[in-house]
Amino acid sequence: MPLCPTASLSTPRPHPTAPPRPPLERPDWRCRAYQGVVERAIGWPPTAHSGRVACLAGAVAHDLGLAPARVREAYLAGLLHDSGKLLISGRVRRKVGALDPHEWRQMQRHPVYSAGLSRLVPGLPFTVWQAVRHHHERLDGSGYPGGLAGDAVPLLARILAACDVYDALSSPRAYKDAWTSGAVWDELTAQSGRHFDPEVLAALRRCVPEGTALQA
């Protein structure tokens, strides 16, 4: 299955008698346009990290057997999950060294900001907002912003968490080189059951086996 299965993720067609909806009135198009604006503003290539995370999240949701509507919601959450970084100081976002405690507290606010900005997308399902807000929660309760644990972490947020970290480790950043596929999977596996949902990791591994390279 392709990582971005357009048949599963596209907006349902309107009834034949209904007037066509302009593209930017459709939630999918709004999210993609919004994502592009945000990533340009914060200095990321449009569709790069967030686009890859969106495709991974949709693929994992599909692999887990979720309904097509939920697959689409996972994809949309991936597009929007880091939009709140637009409200974080560029100095903090681009810092090469370790963040100090004040800077780290700023960075920890980005899921809340992302969730707030996602409310600007009319018609966005609550489950998408929920996934965006909680994609940095951990199964053991040590995540943020809510310190949720176990099943209290929404499933789409658990999917997003694994896909986000997978792509972040696999990609070069200003402060690090890209990790090898083997090193990425060693880290994810070590955090299984603590940070990540083991079933979600198993689905992610089926979608992107060790040695797979993602493209922007």
N, C-alpha and C. Protein backbone atom coordinates (compact mmCIF):
# COMPACT_ATOMS: atom_id res chain seq x y z
N MET A 1 0.83 -1.19 0.00
CA MET A 1 0.00 0.00 0.00
C MET A 1 0.87 1.25 0.00
N PRO A 2 0.58 2.27 -0.86
CA PRO A 2 1.37 3.49 -0.87
C PRO A 2 1.26 4.21 0.47
N LEU A 3 2.31 4.96 0.82
CA LEU A 3 2.26 5.69 2.07
C LEU A 3 1.21 6.78 2.06
N CYS A 4 0.88 7.32 0.90
CA CYS A 4 -0.19 8.31 0.79
C CYS A 4 -1.29 7.76 -0.10
N PRO A 5 -2.16 6.90 0.40
CA PRO A 5 -3.21 6.32 -0.42
C PRO A 5 -4.30 7.33 -0.69
N THR A 6 -4.25 8.00 -1.85
CA THR A 6 -5.16 9.10 -2.12
C THR A 6 -6.61 8.66 -2.10
N ALA A 7 -6.88 7.42 -2.48
CA ALA A 7 -8.27 6.97 -2.46
C ALA A 7 -8.83 6.98 -1.05
N SER A 8 -8.00 6.68 -0.07
CA SER A 8 -8.47 6.63 1.31
C SER A 8 -8.53 8.02 1.94
N LEU A 9 -7.70 8.95 1.44
CA LEU A 9 -7.53 10.21 2.14
C LEU A 9 -8.22 11.37 1.47
N SER A 10 -8.79 11.17 0.31
CA SER A 10 -9.42 12.27 -0.39
C SER A 10 -10.76 12.60 0.23
N THR A 11 -11.24 13.84 -0.01
CA THR A 11 -12.54 14.26 0.50
C THR A 11 -13.64 13.54 -0.26
N PRO A 12 -14.68 13.00 0.42
CA PRO A 12 -15.76 12.34 -0.29
C PRO A 12 -16.42 13.28 -1.29
N ARG A 13 -16.82 12.73 -2.44
CA ARG A 13 -17.47 13.54 -3.46
C ARG A 13 -18.86 13.95 -3.00
N PRO A 14 -19.30 15.19 -3.34
CA PRO A 14 -20.63 15.61 -2.95
C PRO A 14 -21.69 14.87 -3.75
N HIS A 15 -22.93 14.94 -3.28
CA HIS A 15 -24.04 14.35 -4.00
C HIS A 15 -24.12 14.97 -5.38
N PRO A 16 -24.48 14.19 -6.45
CA PRO A 16 -24.48 14.73 -7.82
C PRO A 16 -25.30 15.99 -7.98
N THR A 17 -26.36 16.18 -7.15
CA THR A 17 -27.20 17.36 -7.31
C THR A 17 -26.68 18.56 -6.55
N ALA A 18 -25.67 18.36 -5.71
CA ALA A 18 -25.15 19.46 -4.90
C ALA A 18 -24.15 20.27 -5.71
N PRO A 19 -24.12 21.60 -5.53
CA PRO A 19 -23.12 22.40 -6.24
C PRO A 19 -21.73 22.05 -5.76
N PRO A 20 -20.73 22.07 -6.65
CA PRO A 20 -19.37 21.72 -6.23
C PRO A 20 -18.86 22.71 -5.20
N ARG A 21 -18.10 22.20 -4.24
CA ARG A 21 -17.53 23.06 -3.21
C ARG A 21 -16.18 23.58 -3.68
N PRO A 22 -15.92 24.89 -3.54
CA PRO A 22 -14.60 25.42 -3.91
C PRO A 22 -13.51 24.68 -3.16
N PRO A 23 -12.35 24.47 -3.79
CA PRO A 23 -11.30 23.66 -3.15
C PRO A 23 -10.97 24.08 -1.73
N LEU A 24 -10.87 25.38 -1.45
CA LEU A 24 -10.45 25.81 -0.12
C LEU A 24 -11.57 25.75 0.90
N GLU A 25 -12.76 25.27 0.49
CA GLU A 25 -13.81 25.01 1.48
C GLU A 25 -13.77 23.57 1.93
N ARG A 26 -12.93 22.75 1.33
CA ARG A 26 -12.81 21.35 1.72
C ARG A 26 -11.75 21.23 2.80
N PRO A 27 -12.03 20.51 3.90
CA PRO A 27 -11.05 20.43 5.00
C PRO A 27 -9.67 19.97 4.56
N ASP A 28 -9.58 18.99 3.65
CA ASP A 28 -8.27 18.49 3.23
C ASP A 28 -7.45 19.59 2.57
N TRP A 29 -8.10 20.34 1.67
CA TRP A 29 -7.39 21.41 0.97
C TRP A 29 -6.99 22.51 1.94
N ARG A 30 -7.89 22.84 2.87
CA ARG A 30 -7.56 23.87 3.85
C ARG A 30 -6.34 23.46 4.66
N CYS A 31 -6.31 22.20 5.10
CA CYS A 31 -5.18 21.73 5.90
C CYS A 31 -3.89 21.78 5.11
N ARG A 32 -3.93 21.35 3.85
CA ARG A 32 -2.70 21.36 3.04
C ARG A 32 -2.22 22.78 2.81
N ALA A 33 -3.16 23.69 2.50
CA ALA A 33 -2.77 25.08 2.28
C ALA A 33 -2.20 25.69 3.56
N TYR A 34 -2.85 25.41 4.68
CA TYR A 34 -2.42 25.92 5.97
C TYR A 34 -1.04 25.39 6.32
N GLN A 35 -0.84 24.09 6.09
CA GLN A 35 0.45 23.47 6.38
C GLN A 35 1.55 24.15 5.57
N GLY A 36 1.28 24.41 4.28
CA GLY A 36 2.29 25.04 3.44
C GLY A 36 2.67 26.42 3.93
N VAL A 37 1.67 27.21 4.33
CA VAL A 37 1.93 28.55 4.85
C VAL A 37 2.78 28.48 6.12
N VAL A 38 2.40 27.58 7.03
CA VAL A 38 3.13 27.46 8.30
C VAL A 38 4.57 27.03 8.06
N GLU A 39 4.78 26.02 7.21
CA GLU A 39 6.14 25.51 7.03
C GLU A 39 7.02 26.52 6.31
N ARG A 40 6.46 27.31 5.40
CA ARG A 40 7.25 28.38 4.79
C ARG A 40 7.63 29.41 5.86
N ALA A 41 6.67 29.75 6.72
CA ALA A 41 6.91 30.78 7.73
C ALA A 41 8.00 30.37 8.71
N ILE A 42 8.07 29.09 9.04
CA ILE A 42 9.08 28.66 10.03
C ILE A 42 10.31 28.06 9.37
N GLY A 43 10.40 28.20 8.05
CA GLY A 43 11.64 27.84 7.37
C GLY A 43 11.80 26.39 7.03
N TRP A 44 10.70 25.62 6.93
CA TRP A 44 10.78 24.23 6.50
C TRP A 44 10.24 24.13 5.08
N PRO A 45 10.80 23.22 4.28
CA PRO A 45 10.24 23.02 2.94
C PRO A 45 8.80 22.53 3.06
N PRO A 46 7.85 23.14 2.32
CA PRO A 46 6.47 22.67 2.39
C PRO A 46 6.38 21.18 2.09
N THR A 47 5.53 20.50 2.82
CA THR A 47 5.24 19.06 2.69
C THR A 47 6.40 18.18 3.16
N ALA A 48 7.47 18.76 3.73
CA ALA A 48 8.60 17.92 4.14
C ALA A 48 8.24 17.11 5.38
N HIS A 49 8.61 17.57 6.57
CA HIS A 49 8.37 16.77 7.77
C HIS A 49 6.88 16.49 7.98
N SER A 50 6.06 17.53 7.99
CA SER A 50 4.63 17.32 8.26
C SER A 50 3.97 16.48 7.19
N GLY A 51 4.39 16.66 5.94
CA GLY A 51 3.82 15.84 4.87
C GLY A 51 4.18 14.38 5.02
N ARG A 52 5.44 14.10 5.38
CA ARG A 52 5.84 12.71 5.58
C ARG A 52 5.12 12.09 6.78
N VAL A 53 5.02 12.87 7.87
CA VAL A 53 4.32 12.36 9.05
C VAL A 53 2.86 12.08 8.72
N ALA A 54 2.24 12.96 7.94
CA ALA A 54 0.84 12.76 7.56
C ALA A 54 0.67 11.46 6.78
N CYS A 55 1.56 11.22 5.82
CA CYS A 55 1.47 10.00 5.02
C CYS A 55 1.72 8.76 5.87
N LEU A 56 2.71 8.84 6.75
CA LEU A 56 2.98 7.71 7.64
C LEU A 56 1.79 7.44 8.55
N ALA A 57 1.22 8.50 9.13
CA ALA A 57 0.10 8.32 10.05
C ALA A 57 -1.10 7.70 9.34
N GLY A 58 -1.37 8.16 8.11
CA GLY A 58 -2.46 7.56 7.35
C GLY A 58 -2.21 6.10 7.05
N ALA A 59 -0.97 5.78 6.69
CA ALA A 59 -0.63 4.39 6.38
C ALA A 59 -0.75 3.50 7.61
N VAL A 60 -0.28 3.99 8.76
CA VAL A 60 -0.36 3.20 10.00
C VAL A 60 -1.82 3.00 10.41
N ALA A 61 -2.61 4.06 10.32
CA ALA A 61 -4.03 3.93 10.67
C ALA A 61 -4.71 2.90 9.77
N HIS A 62 -4.37 2.91 8.49
CA HIS A 62 -4.93 1.93 7.56
C HIS A 62 -4.49 0.53 7.93
N ASP A 63 -3.20 0.37 8.24
CA ASP A 63 -2.68 -0.95 8.61
C ASP A 63 -3.36 -1.49 9.86
N LEU A 64 -3.71 -0.60 10.78
CA LEU A 64 -4.37 -1.02 12.01
C LEU A 64 -5.85 -1.35 11.80
N GLY A 65 -6.33 -1.17 10.57
CA GLY A 65 -7.71 -1.51 10.26
C GLY A 65 -8.73 -0.46 10.63
N LEU A 66 -8.29 0.79 10.81
CA LEU A 66 -9.23 1.85 11.14
C LEU A 66 -10.10 2.18 9.94
N ALA A 67 -11.27 2.72 10.21
CA ALA A 67 -12.21 3.10 9.15
C ALA A 67 -11.60 4.19 8.28
N PRO A 68 -12.02 4.28 7.00
CA PRO A 68 -11.46 5.30 6.11
C PRO A 68 -11.53 6.72 6.68
N ALA A 69 -12.61 7.05 7.39
CA ALA A 69 -12.70 8.39 7.96
C ALA A 69 -11.60 8.62 9.00
N ARG A 70 -11.28 7.59 9.77
CA ARG A 70 -10.23 7.72 10.78
C ARG A 70 -8.84 7.78 10.14
N VAL A 71 -8.66 7.06 9.03
CA VAL A 71 -7.40 7.13 8.28
C VAL A 71 -7.18 8.57 7.81
N ARG A 72 -8.23 9.16 7.27
CA ARG A 72 -8.15 10.54 6.80
C ARG A 72 -7.84 11.49 7.95
N GLU A 73 -8.45 11.26 9.12
CA GLU A 73 -8.19 12.11 10.28
C GLU A 73 -6.74 12.00 10.73
N ALA A 74 -6.18 10.80 10.68
CA ALA A 74 -4.77 10.62 11.03
C ALA A 74 -3.88 11.42 10.08
N TYR A 75 -4.22 11.39 8.80
CA TYR A 75 -3.47 12.13 7.79
C TYR A 75 -3.55 13.64 8.07
N LEU A 76 -4.76 14.15 8.31
CA LEU A 76 -4.92 15.58 8.55
C LEU A 76 -4.19 16.01 9.82
N ALA A 77 -4.24 15.18 10.86
CA ALA A 77 -3.51 15.50 12.09
C ALA A 77 -2.02 15.61 11.83
N GLY A 78 -1.50 14.74 10.98
CA GLY A 78 -0.09 14.81 10.63
C GLY A 78 0.27 16.11 9.94
N LEU A 79 -0.62 16.60 9.08
CA LEU A 79 -0.35 17.87 8.41
C LEU A 79 -0.27 19.03 9.39
N LEU A 80 -1.06 18.98 10.44
CA LEU A 80 -1.21 20.13 11.33
C LEU A 80 -0.41 20.05 12.63
N HIS A 81 0.24 18.89 12.89
CA HIS A 81 0.73 18.66 14.25
C HIS A 81 1.80 19.64 14.72
N ASP A 82 2.58 20.20 13.83
CA ASP A 82 3.65 21.12 14.24
C ASP A 82 3.36 22.57 13.88
N SER A 83 2.12 22.88 13.49
CA SER A 83 1.82 24.25 13.06
C SER A 83 2.07 25.27 14.17
N GLY A 84 1.94 24.85 15.43
CA GLY A 84 2.15 25.77 16.54
C GLY A 84 3.58 26.25 16.69
N LYS A 85 4.52 25.60 16.01
CA LYS A 85 5.91 26.07 16.07
C LYS A 85 6.06 27.45 15.44
N LEU A 86 5.05 27.84 14.66
CA LEU A 86 5.03 29.19 14.10
C LEU A 86 5.04 30.24 15.22
N LEU A 87 4.50 29.88 16.38
CA LEU A 87 4.39 30.80 17.51
C LEU A 87 5.55 30.68 18.50
N ILE A 88 6.51 29.81 18.19
CA ILE A 88 7.71 29.66 19.02
C ILE A 88 8.82 30.53 18.43
N SER A 89 9.59 31.15 19.28
CA SER A 89 10.69 32.01 18.82
C SER A 89 11.58 31.27 17.82
N GLY A 90 11.89 31.94 16.71
CA GLY A 90 12.77 31.35 15.72
C GLY A 90 14.13 31.01 16.30
N ARG A 91 14.60 31.81 17.25
CA ARG A 91 15.88 31.53 17.90
C ARG A 91 15.84 30.19 18.62
N VAL A 92 14.71 29.90 19.25
CA VAL A 92 14.56 28.63 19.96
C VAL A 92 14.42 27.49 18.97
N ARG A 93 13.60 27.67 17.93
CA ARG A 93 13.39 26.60 16.94
C ARG A 93 14.68 26.21 16.25
N ARG A 94 15.52 27.20 15.98
CA ARG A 94 16.71 26.93 15.17
C ARG A 94 17.97 26.72 16.00
N LYS A 95 17.85 26.72 17.31
CA LYS A 95 19.03 26.58 18.17
C LYS A 95 19.71 25.24 17.92
N VAL A 96 21.01 25.25 17.77
CA VAL A 96 21.77 24.04 17.48
C VAL A 96 22.05 23.25 18.75
N GLY A 97 22.37 23.92 19.83
CA GLY A 97 22.69 23.22 21.08
C GLY A 97 21.45 22.85 21.87
N ALA A 98 21.69 22.34 23.08
CA ALA A 98 20.58 21.95 23.95
C ALA A 98 19.78 23.17 24.39
N LEU A 99 18.47 23.02 24.53
CA LEU A 99 17.62 24.10 25.00
C LEU A 99 17.78 24.26 26.51
N ASP A 100 17.79 25.51 26.98
CA ASP A 100 17.80 25.72 28.43
C ASP A 100 16.37 25.51 28.95
N PRO A 101 16.19 25.47 30.29
CA PRO A 101 14.85 25.16 30.82
C PRO A 101 13.76 26.09 30.32
N HIS A 102 14.05 27.39 30.21
CA HIS A 102 13.04 28.33 29.72
C HIS A 102 12.70 28.04 28.26
N GLU A 103 13.71 27.79 27.45
CA GLU A 103 13.47 27.48 26.03
C GLU A 103 12.70 26.18 25.87
N TRP A 104 13.02 25.20 26.70
CA TRP A 104 12.33 23.92 26.63
C TRP A 104 10.86 24.07 26.99
N ARG A 105 10.56 24.92 27.99
CA ARG A 105 9.15 25.17 28.33
C ARG A 105 8.42 25.82 27.17
N GLN A 106 9.11 26.72 26.46
CA GLN A 106 8.51 27.31 25.26
C GLN A 106 8.19 26.24 24.23
N MET A 107 9.17 25.38 23.96
CA MET A 107 8.98 24.35 22.94
C MET A 107 7.86 23.39 23.31
N GLN A 108 7.72 23.11 24.60
CA GLN A 108 6.67 22.20 25.04
C GLN A 108 5.27 22.76 24.84
N ARG A 109 5.16 24.05 24.56
CA ARG A 109 3.85 24.64 24.31
C ARG A 109 3.37 24.42 22.88
N HIS A 110 4.24 23.96 21.99
CA HIS A 110 3.83 23.94 20.59
C HIS A 110 2.65 23.02 20.29
N PRO A 111 2.46 21.87 20.99
CA PRO A 111 1.25 21.09 20.70
C PRO A 111 -0.03 21.84 21.06
N VAL A 112 0.01 22.62 22.15
CA VAL A 112 -1.15 23.42 22.54
C VAL A 112 -1.41 24.49 21.49
N TYR A 113 -0.34 25.15 21.04
CA TYR A 113 -0.49 26.17 20.00
C TYR A 113 -1.00 25.54 18.70
N SER A 114 -0.47 24.38 18.36
CA SER A 114 -0.90 23.69 17.14
C SER A 114 -2.39 23.37 17.20
N ALA A 115 -2.83 22.88 18.37
CA ALA A 115 -4.25 22.55 18.53
C ALA A 115 -5.10 23.81 18.42
N GLY A 116 -4.62 24.91 19.00
CA GLY A 116 -5.37 26.16 18.91
C GLY A 116 -5.48 26.65 17.47
N LEU A 117 -4.37 26.59 16.75
CA LEU A 117 -4.39 27.03 15.35
C LEU A 117 -5.26 26.12 14.50
N SER A 118 -5.30 24.83 14.83
CA SER A 118 -6.10 23.90 14.03
C SER A 118 -7.58 24.23 14.11
N ARG A 119 -7.99 24.91 15.17
CA ARG A 119 -9.40 25.31 15.29
C ARG A 119 -9.78 26.33 14.23
N LEU A 120 -8.80 26.94 13.59
CA LEU A 120 -9.08 27.88 12.51
C LEU A 120 -9.51 27.18 11.23
N VAL A 121 -9.39 25.86 11.18
CA VAL A 121 -9.81 25.08 10.01
C VAL A 121 -11.27 24.67 10.24
N PRO A 122 -12.23 25.32 9.57
CA PRO A 122 -13.64 25.00 9.81
C PRO A 122 -13.95 23.54 9.48
N GLY A 123 -14.75 22.93 10.31
CA GLY A 123 -15.18 21.56 10.05
C GLY A 123 -14.18 20.50 10.43
N LEU A 124 -13.06 20.87 11.05
CA LEU A 124 -12.05 19.87 11.41
C LEU A 124 -12.60 18.98 12.52
N PRO A 125 -12.54 17.65 12.37
CA PRO A 125 -13.07 16.77 13.41
C PRO A 125 -12.34 16.95 14.74
N PHE A 126 -13.07 16.77 15.83
CA PHE A 126 -12.49 16.88 17.17
C PHE A 126 -11.33 15.91 17.35
N THR A 127 -11.43 14.72 16.76
CA THR A 127 -10.36 13.72 16.91
C THR A 127 -9.05 14.21 16.32
N VAL A 128 -9.11 15.05 15.29
CA VAL A 128 -7.88 15.62 14.72
C VAL A 128 -7.28 16.61 15.71
N TRP A 129 -8.10 17.50 16.24
CA TRP A 129 -7.64 18.46 17.24
C TRP A 129 -7.00 17.72 18.42
N GLN A 130 -7.66 16.66 18.86
CA GLN A 130 -7.19 15.87 20.00
C GLN A 130 -5.82 15.25 19.71
N ALA A 131 -5.67 14.69 18.51
CA ALA A 131 -4.39 14.07 18.14
C ALA A 131 -3.27 15.10 18.07
N VAL A 132 -3.58 16.26 17.50
CA VAL A 132 -2.59 17.33 17.39
C VAL A 132 -2.14 17.78 18.79
N ARG A 133 -3.09 17.98 19.68
CA ARG A 133 -2.76 18.47 21.02
C ARG A 133 -1.94 17.47 21.82
N HIS A 134 -2.17 16.18 21.62
CA HIS A 134 -1.59 15.17 22.50
C HIS A 134 -0.51 14.31 21.84
N HIS A 135 0.07 14.77 20.73
CA HIS A 135 1.03 13.89 20.03
C HIS A 135 2.38 13.79 20.74
N HIS A 136 2.59 14.56 21.80
CA HIS A 136 3.82 14.41 22.60
C HIS A 136 3.55 13.76 23.96
N GLU A 137 2.38 13.19 24.14
CA GLU A 137 2.12 12.40 25.35
C GLU A 137 2.86 11.06 25.22
N ARG A 138 3.11 10.42 26.36
CA ARG A 138 3.78 9.11 26.38
C ARG A 138 2.95 8.13 27.19
N LEU A 139 3.05 6.86 26.83
CA LEU A 139 2.25 5.86 27.52
C LEU A 139 2.51 5.83 29.02
N ASP A 140 3.75 6.15 29.44
CA ASP A 140 4.08 6.09 30.87
C ASP A 140 3.70 7.36 31.62
N GLY A 141 3.08 8.32 30.94
CA GLY A 141 2.62 9.54 31.60
C GLY A 141 3.65 10.64 31.69
N SER A 142 4.83 10.44 31.11
CA SER A 142 5.91 11.43 31.23
C SER A 142 5.91 12.46 30.11
N GLY A 143 4.92 12.41 29.24
CA GLY A 143 4.88 13.34 28.11
C GLY A 143 4.19 14.65 28.45
N TYR A 144 3.90 15.43 27.42
CA TYR A 144 3.27 16.74 27.60
C TYR A 144 2.29 16.98 26.45
N PRO A 145 1.33 17.89 26.59
CA PRO A 145 1.17 18.87 27.67
C PRO A 145 0.34 18.38 28.86
N GLY A 146 -0.34 17.24 28.74
CA GLY A 146 -1.28 16.85 29.77
C GLY A 146 -0.83 15.76 30.71
N GLY A 147 0.34 15.14 30.45
CA GLY A 147 0.79 14.04 31.27
C GLY A 147 -0.16 12.85 31.23
N LEU A 148 -0.82 12.65 30.08
CA LEU A 148 -1.74 11.51 29.93
C LEU A 148 -0.94 10.22 29.90
N ALA A 149 -1.59 9.12 30.29
CA ALA A 149 -0.91 7.82 30.31
C ALA A 149 -1.83 6.74 29.77
N GLY A 150 -1.23 5.68 29.23
CA GLY A 150 -1.97 4.51 28.78
C GLY A 150 -3.06 4.83 27.78
N ASP A 151 -4.24 4.22 27.99
CA ASP A 151 -5.34 4.41 27.06
C ASP A 151 -5.92 5.81 27.09
N ALA A 152 -5.53 6.63 28.07
CA ALA A 152 -5.98 8.02 28.08
C ALA A 152 -5.37 8.81 26.93
N VAL A 153 -4.26 8.33 26.38
CA VAL A 153 -3.67 8.97 25.20
C VAL A 153 -4.49 8.52 23.99
N PRO A 154 -5.12 9.45 23.26
CA PRO A 154 -5.95 9.05 22.13
C PRO A 154 -5.16 8.23 21.11
N LEU A 155 -5.84 7.28 20.47
CA LEU A 155 -5.15 6.40 19.52
C LEU A 155 -4.48 7.19 18.41
N LEU A 156 -5.16 8.18 17.84
CA LEU A 156 -4.53 8.94 16.75
C LEU A 156 -3.31 9.71 17.25
N ALA A 157 -3.32 10.14 18.50
CA ALA A 157 -2.13 10.80 19.07
C ALA A 157 -0.99 9.80 19.22
N ARG A 158 -1.31 8.56 19.59
CA ARG A 158 -0.28 7.52 19.70
C ARG A 158 0.33 7.23 18.33
N ILE A 159 -0.52 7.20 17.31
CA ILE A 159 -0.02 7.00 15.95
C ILE A 159 0.88 8.15 15.54
N LEU A 160 0.43 9.36 15.80
CA LEU A 160 1.19 10.55 15.42
C LEU A 160 2.53 10.59 16.15
N ALA A 161 2.54 10.20 17.42
CA ALA A 161 3.78 10.23 18.21
C ALA A 161 4.85 9.36 17.58
N ALA A 162 4.49 8.15 17.21
CA ALA A 162 5.48 7.23 16.62
C ALA A 162 5.96 7.73 15.27
N CYS A 163 5.02 8.19 14.44
CA CYS A 163 5.39 8.66 13.09
C CYS A 163 6.24 9.92 13.16
N ASP A 164 5.92 10.81 14.08
CA ASP A 164 6.67 12.06 14.25
C ASP A 164 8.12 11.77 14.63
N VAL A 165 8.32 10.91 15.63
CA VAL A 165 9.68 10.60 16.08
C VAL A 165 10.43 9.82 15.01
N TYR A 166 9.75 8.88 14.35
CA TYR A 166 10.40 8.13 13.27
C TYR A 166 10.97 9.08 12.23
N ASP A 167 10.16 10.03 11.77
CA ASP A 167 10.64 10.93 10.73
C ASP A 167 11.69 11.90 11.26
N ALA A 168 11.51 12.38 12.49
CA ALA A 168 12.49 13.32 13.06
C ALA A 168 13.87 12.68 13.18
N LEU A 169 13.92 11.41 13.60
CA LEU A 169 15.21 10.73 13.72
C LEU A 169 15.79 10.39 12.35
N SER A 170 14.92 10.09 11.40
CA SER A 170 15.38 9.65 10.07
C SER A 170 15.86 10.80 9.20
N SER A 171 15.54 12.04 9.59
CA SER A 171 15.81 13.20 8.75
C SER A 171 16.94 14.04 9.34
N PRO A 172 17.75 14.68 8.49
CA PRO A 172 18.78 15.59 9.00
C PRO A 172 18.14 16.86 9.55
N ARG A 173 18.69 17.37 10.61
CA ARG A 173 18.25 18.64 11.21
C ARG A 173 19.47 19.52 11.39
N ALA A 174 19.24 20.79 11.72
CA ALA A 174 20.37 21.71 11.91
C ALA A 174 21.30 21.23 13.01
N TYR A 175 20.76 20.50 13.98
CA TYR A 175 21.55 20.08 15.14
C TYR A 175 21.99 18.62 15.08
N LYS A 176 21.66 17.90 13.99
CA LYS A 176 22.05 16.48 13.93
C LYS A 176 21.99 15.98 12.49
N ASP A 177 22.72 14.90 12.23
CA ASP A 177 22.60 14.19 10.97
C ASP A 177 21.43 13.21 11.04
N ALA A 178 21.01 12.74 9.89
CA ALA A 178 19.97 11.71 9.87
C ALA A 178 20.51 10.42 10.49
N TRP A 179 19.70 9.76 11.29
CA TRP A 179 20.09 8.47 11.84
C TRP A 179 19.91 7.39 10.79
N THR A 180 20.67 6.32 10.92
CA THR A 180 20.46 5.18 10.04
C THR A 180 19.14 4.50 10.40
N SER A 181 18.60 3.76 9.45
CA SER A 181 17.34 3.06 9.70
C SER A 181 17.45 2.12 10.90
N GLY A 182 18.57 1.41 11.00
CA GLY A 182 18.76 0.49 12.11
C GLY A 182 18.77 1.21 13.45
N ALA A 183 19.46 2.36 13.51
CA ALA A 183 19.52 3.12 14.76
C ALA A 183 18.15 3.67 15.14
N VAL A 184 17.39 4.11 14.13
CA VAL A 184 16.04 4.61 14.40
C VAL A 184 15.19 3.52 15.04
N TRP A 185 15.22 2.33 14.45
CA TRP A 185 14.39 1.25 14.97
C TRP A 185 14.89 0.74 16.32
N ASP A 186 16.18 0.80 16.56
CA ASP A 186 16.69 0.44 17.89
C ASP A 186 16.11 1.38 18.95
N GLU A 187 16.09 2.67 18.64
CA GLU A 187 15.57 3.66 19.59
C GLU A 187 14.07 3.49 19.81
N LEU A 188 13.32 3.34 18.72
CA LEU A 188 11.87 3.18 18.85
C LEU A 188 11.54 1.92 19.65
N THR A 189 12.24 0.84 19.36
CA THR A 189 11.99 -0.42 20.05
C THR A 189 12.31 -0.30 21.54
N ALA A 190 13.39 0.42 21.86
CA ALA A 190 13.77 0.60 23.27
C ALA A 190 12.70 1.36 24.04
N GLN A 191 11.93 2.20 23.34
CA GLN A 191 10.90 3.02 24.00
C GLN A 191 9.50 2.42 23.88
N SER A 192 9.41 1.22 23.31
CA SER A 192 8.11 0.56 23.16
C SER A 192 7.51 0.26 24.53
N GLY A 193 6.26 0.62 24.72
CA GLY A 193 5.58 0.39 25.98
C GLY A 193 5.76 1.49 27.00
N ARG A 194 6.78 2.32 26.81
CA ARG A 194 7.00 3.47 27.69
C ARG A 194 6.57 4.75 27.00
N HIS A 195 7.20 5.02 25.87
CA HIS A 195 6.83 6.19 25.07
C HIS A 195 5.78 5.79 24.04
N PHE A 196 6.00 4.70 23.34
CA PHE A 196 5.18 4.35 22.19
C PHE A 196 4.29 3.13 22.43
N ASP A 197 3.16 3.12 21.76
CA ASP A 197 2.24 1.98 21.77
C ASP A 197 2.86 0.85 20.94
N PRO A 198 3.08 -0.33 21.53
CA PRO A 198 3.71 -1.43 20.78
C PRO A 198 2.95 -1.82 19.51
N GLU A 199 1.61 -1.79 19.54
CA GLU A 199 0.84 -2.15 18.35
C GLU A 199 1.03 -1.12 17.25
N VAL A 200 1.12 0.15 17.63
CA VAL A 200 1.37 1.20 16.64
C VAL A 200 2.76 1.03 16.03
N LEU A 201 3.77 0.74 16.87
CA LEU A 201 5.12 0.53 16.34
C LEU A 201 5.15 -0.65 15.37
N ALA A 202 4.44 -1.73 15.70
CA ALA A 202 4.41 -2.89 14.81
C ALA A 202 3.80 -2.52 13.47
N ALA A 203 2.74 -1.72 13.49
CA ALA A 203 2.12 -1.29 12.24
C ALA A 203 3.05 -0.38 11.45
N LEU A 204 3.73 0.54 12.15
CA LEU A 204 4.68 1.42 11.48
C LEU A 204 5.80 0.62 10.83
N ARG A 205 6.26 -0.41 11.51
CA ARG A 205 7.34 -1.22 10.95
C ARG A 205 6.87 -1.98 9.71
N ARG A 206 5.61 -2.40 9.69
CA ARG A 206 5.09 -3.05 8.48
C ARG A 206 5.00 -2.06 7.32
N CYS A 207 4.72 -0.80 7.65
CA CYS A 207 4.59 0.21 6.59
C CYS A 207 5.95 0.67 6.08
N VAL A 208 6.93 0.78 6.98
CA VAL A 208 8.28 1.22 6.59
C VAL A 208 9.29 0.27 7.23
N PRO A 209 9.51 -0.88 6.65
CA PRO A 209 10.47 -1.84 7.22
C PRO A 209 11.86 -1.23 7.32
N GLU A 210 12.68 -1.80 8.19
CA GLU A 210 14.05 -1.32 8.35
C GLU A 210 14.75 -1.30 7.00
N GLY A 211 15.42 -0.18 6.71
CA GLY A 211 16.09 -0.01 5.43
C GLY A 211 15.32 0.85 4.46
N THR A 212 14.04 1.15 4.77
CA THR A 212 13.22 1.99 3.90
C THR A 212 13.65 3.44 4.05
N ALA A 213 13.75 4.15 2.93
CA ALA A 213 14.09 5.57 2.95
C ALA A 213 12.87 6.36 2.49
N LEU A 214 12.50 7.40 3.25
CA LEU A 214 11.38 8.25 2.89
C LEU A 214 11.89 9.44 2.11
N GLN A 215 11.05 9.92 1.20
CA GLN A 215 11.39 11.10 0.41
C GLN A 215 10.43 12.21 0.76
N ALA A 216 10.91 13.46 0.65
CA ALA A 216 10.04 14.61 0.95
C ALA A 216 8.94 14.70 -0.08
